[in-house]
Amino acid sequence: MTTRTKFNIHPLLAGASIVIILAGVREIAPVLNIFLVALLLAVAVSPLLTWQLRRGWPKAVSLAFTILIVIVIMGFVSTILGVAINNIAGKAPFYQEKIAELYHAGLNALTARGLDVSEVQKLDIVSPDKIVGYMTSFLQSILSTFGNFFFVVLLMVFILIEFADITIKADRGLFAEDSWQNRFGDISNDLKKYVTINAVAGLIAAVADFILLLILGVDFAVLWGFLAFLFSFIPNIGFVLSVVPPALLALLEYGWGHCILVVVGYVIFNSIVDNVIKPRYLGKEFKMSILVVFLSLLFWGWLMGAIGAILGVPLTMAVKRIVDFANKDMEADGRAAEEPVIPLPETKPEKSAET
């Protein structure tokens, strides 16, 4: 029987500790993002590893085959992002000129209707160079994580080795029911289900979006399709984030007609995925309100940047399960404390026989 130590912490001290921890996490966010991407990749491909191990494949062969698949995928993704960001940087002057034209045309239209736009002109945040800079910096923040190819793969290898050991020992029943290995297995199973279903559904929507952009001739269709896949892990809000860049690009290159076609196509494809495919396979335990999703996006995005925003919902799910486990432990400790202690009857020592 395991015993748990109780800690009585003042609320102010607990709040200060949380603030210090969050500040530390934000400072090491670039390193932590690499670990989280590696962990998510390991969780995503762990069903393949488990399937091989439970069919008698040698551990070394199973790990090598799984890692090879991830290396190919990561190399493809890193290449796409790197080429796209270089091309966007090369065409930045063209985009800035088009945004400036659109911006001034909008201001002139508002002025013609008798509206005062002096305050809007003072907002430096909507300047053309700022908009292009925001887009480029966001893509670079994603590339910086995926670009650390060696470290991501190396971390993923170590995580998969642990997964393999845990899977083998769990199949042999070597872990206690309330051990951290079993609890991590519960969290991992939730993440596997969420990641797998969202990945398949997001891939369907991303391919449809890519084909639409390719037909319309919008630049960097592969990049926007990949971002649509990434943002599919953010329920409700991810669709809005994924449609803005290609719609804006279509507006700059071809005008309002293509922009409207992009938005309508995205709405149709993502509505089918979000309202037909995902609800069929995702259980009620994975449903989150729009408010919770939005707050998760803001919090994890502020704490860890673009990768934190993309992984906000899985991270929130993992934190929720950990809190549930902590509450169950506290309830178990409370029940154990309430149980009456029955004293054992006193026994007198037997006198030794006199010789």
Foldseek 3Di string as FASTA:
>chain_A
DDDDDDDDDDPVVVVVVVVVVLVVLLVCLLVVLLLVLLVLLLLQLLVQLLVCVVVPHDNVVSLVVSLVVVLVVLVVVLVLLVVVLVVLVVCLVLQLVLLVVVVVVVVVVCVVVVDDCPVVVPPPCSHSVNVSVVVSVQSVSVSSSSVVPVSSSVSNSVVNVVSVVLSVCVVVVNDDPLDVSNLVVVLSVVSNLLCVLLQVLQLQLLVQLLVLCVVLVQPSSVVLSVQSSLLSLQPPVSLVVSLVVSLSSCCSPPRDVSSVSSVVSSCVSVCCSNVPRVVVRDDPLLDDDPVQSVVLLVVLCVSNNSSSNSCSSSVVSSVVSVVVSVVVVVVVVVVVVPDDDDDDDDDDDDDDDDD
